[in-house]
Amino acid sequence: MAYTQPGRYWLQDETEHERALAYLTTGTAYQRTLHDENTRYVLVDHPPGATS
């Protein structure tokens, strides 16, 4: 599926996963911006108990 391509590499990026976990465990939201030819995707994850 073409729409899954921008984030597909993230699934195997161990360094980025560790970075996300570090942010979330310190109470900081994690944000990742992905893009393809025509679309930009902004993914944001807030740590448990955090308010946006």
Protein backbone atom coordinates (compact mmCIF):
# COMPACT_ATOMS: atom_id res chain seq x y z
CA MET A 1 0.00 0.00 0.00
CA ALA A 2 1.50 3.28 -1.08
CA TYR A 3 0.26 5.23 1.94
CA THR A 4 2.29 3.05 4.33
CA GLN A 5 5.65 3.73 2.66
CA PRO A 6 6.68 6.90 4.58
CA GLY A 7 6.63 5.11 7.94
CA ARG A 8 7.71 1.65 6.89
CA TYR A 9 11.40 2.29 7.62
CA TRP A 10 10.50 3.48 11.13
CA LEU A 11 9.36 -0.02 12.05
CA GLN A 12 12.96 -1.26 11.94
CA ASP A 13 14.76 1.87 13.16
CA GLU A 14 15.92 0.77 16.61
CA THR A 15 17.72 4.05 17.31
CA GLU A 16 14.54 6.06 16.68
CA HIS A 17 12.51 3.68 18.84
CA GLU A 18 14.97 4.23 21.70
CA ARG A 19 14.68 7.98 21.20
CA ALA A 20 10.88 7.77 21.34
CA LEU A 21 11.02 5.69 24.52
CA ALA A 22 13.45 8.14 26.12
CA TYR A 23 11.10 11.05 25.41
CA LEU A 24 8.04 9.23 26.68
CA THR A 25 9.67 7.90 29.85
CA THR A 26 10.78 11.41 30.81
CA GLY A 27 7.26 12.76 30.34
CA THR A 28 7.94 14.46 27.01
CA ALA A 29 5.75 13.99 23.95
CA TYR A 30 7.37 12.32 20.95
CA GLN A 31 6.77 13.77 17.49
CA ARG A 32 7.84 12.38 14.13
CA THR A 33 7.18 13.96 10.75
CA LEU A 34 7.07 11.68 7.72
CA HIS A 35 6.43 12.62 4.12
CA ASP A 36 5.97 11.21 0.69
CA GLU A 37 5.61 12.97 -2.64
CA ASN A 38 2.39 14.82 -1.85
CA THR A 39 1.61 14.41 1.84
CA ARG A 40 3.20 15.22 5.18
CA TYR A 41 2.26 13.07 8.20
CA VAL A 42 2.87 14.34 11.72
CA LEU A 43 2.68 11.64 14.37
CA VAL A 44 2.56 12.69 18.02
CA ASP A 45 2.50 10.41 21.03
CA HIS A 46 2.01 11.69 24.56
CA PRO A 47 3.27 9.77 27.60
CA PRO A 48 0.67 8.02 29.77
CA GLY A 49 -1.13 10.46 32.05
CA ALA A 50 0.00 13.53 30.12
CA THR A 51 -2.45 16.13 28.96
CA SER A 52 -2.11 17.63 25.54
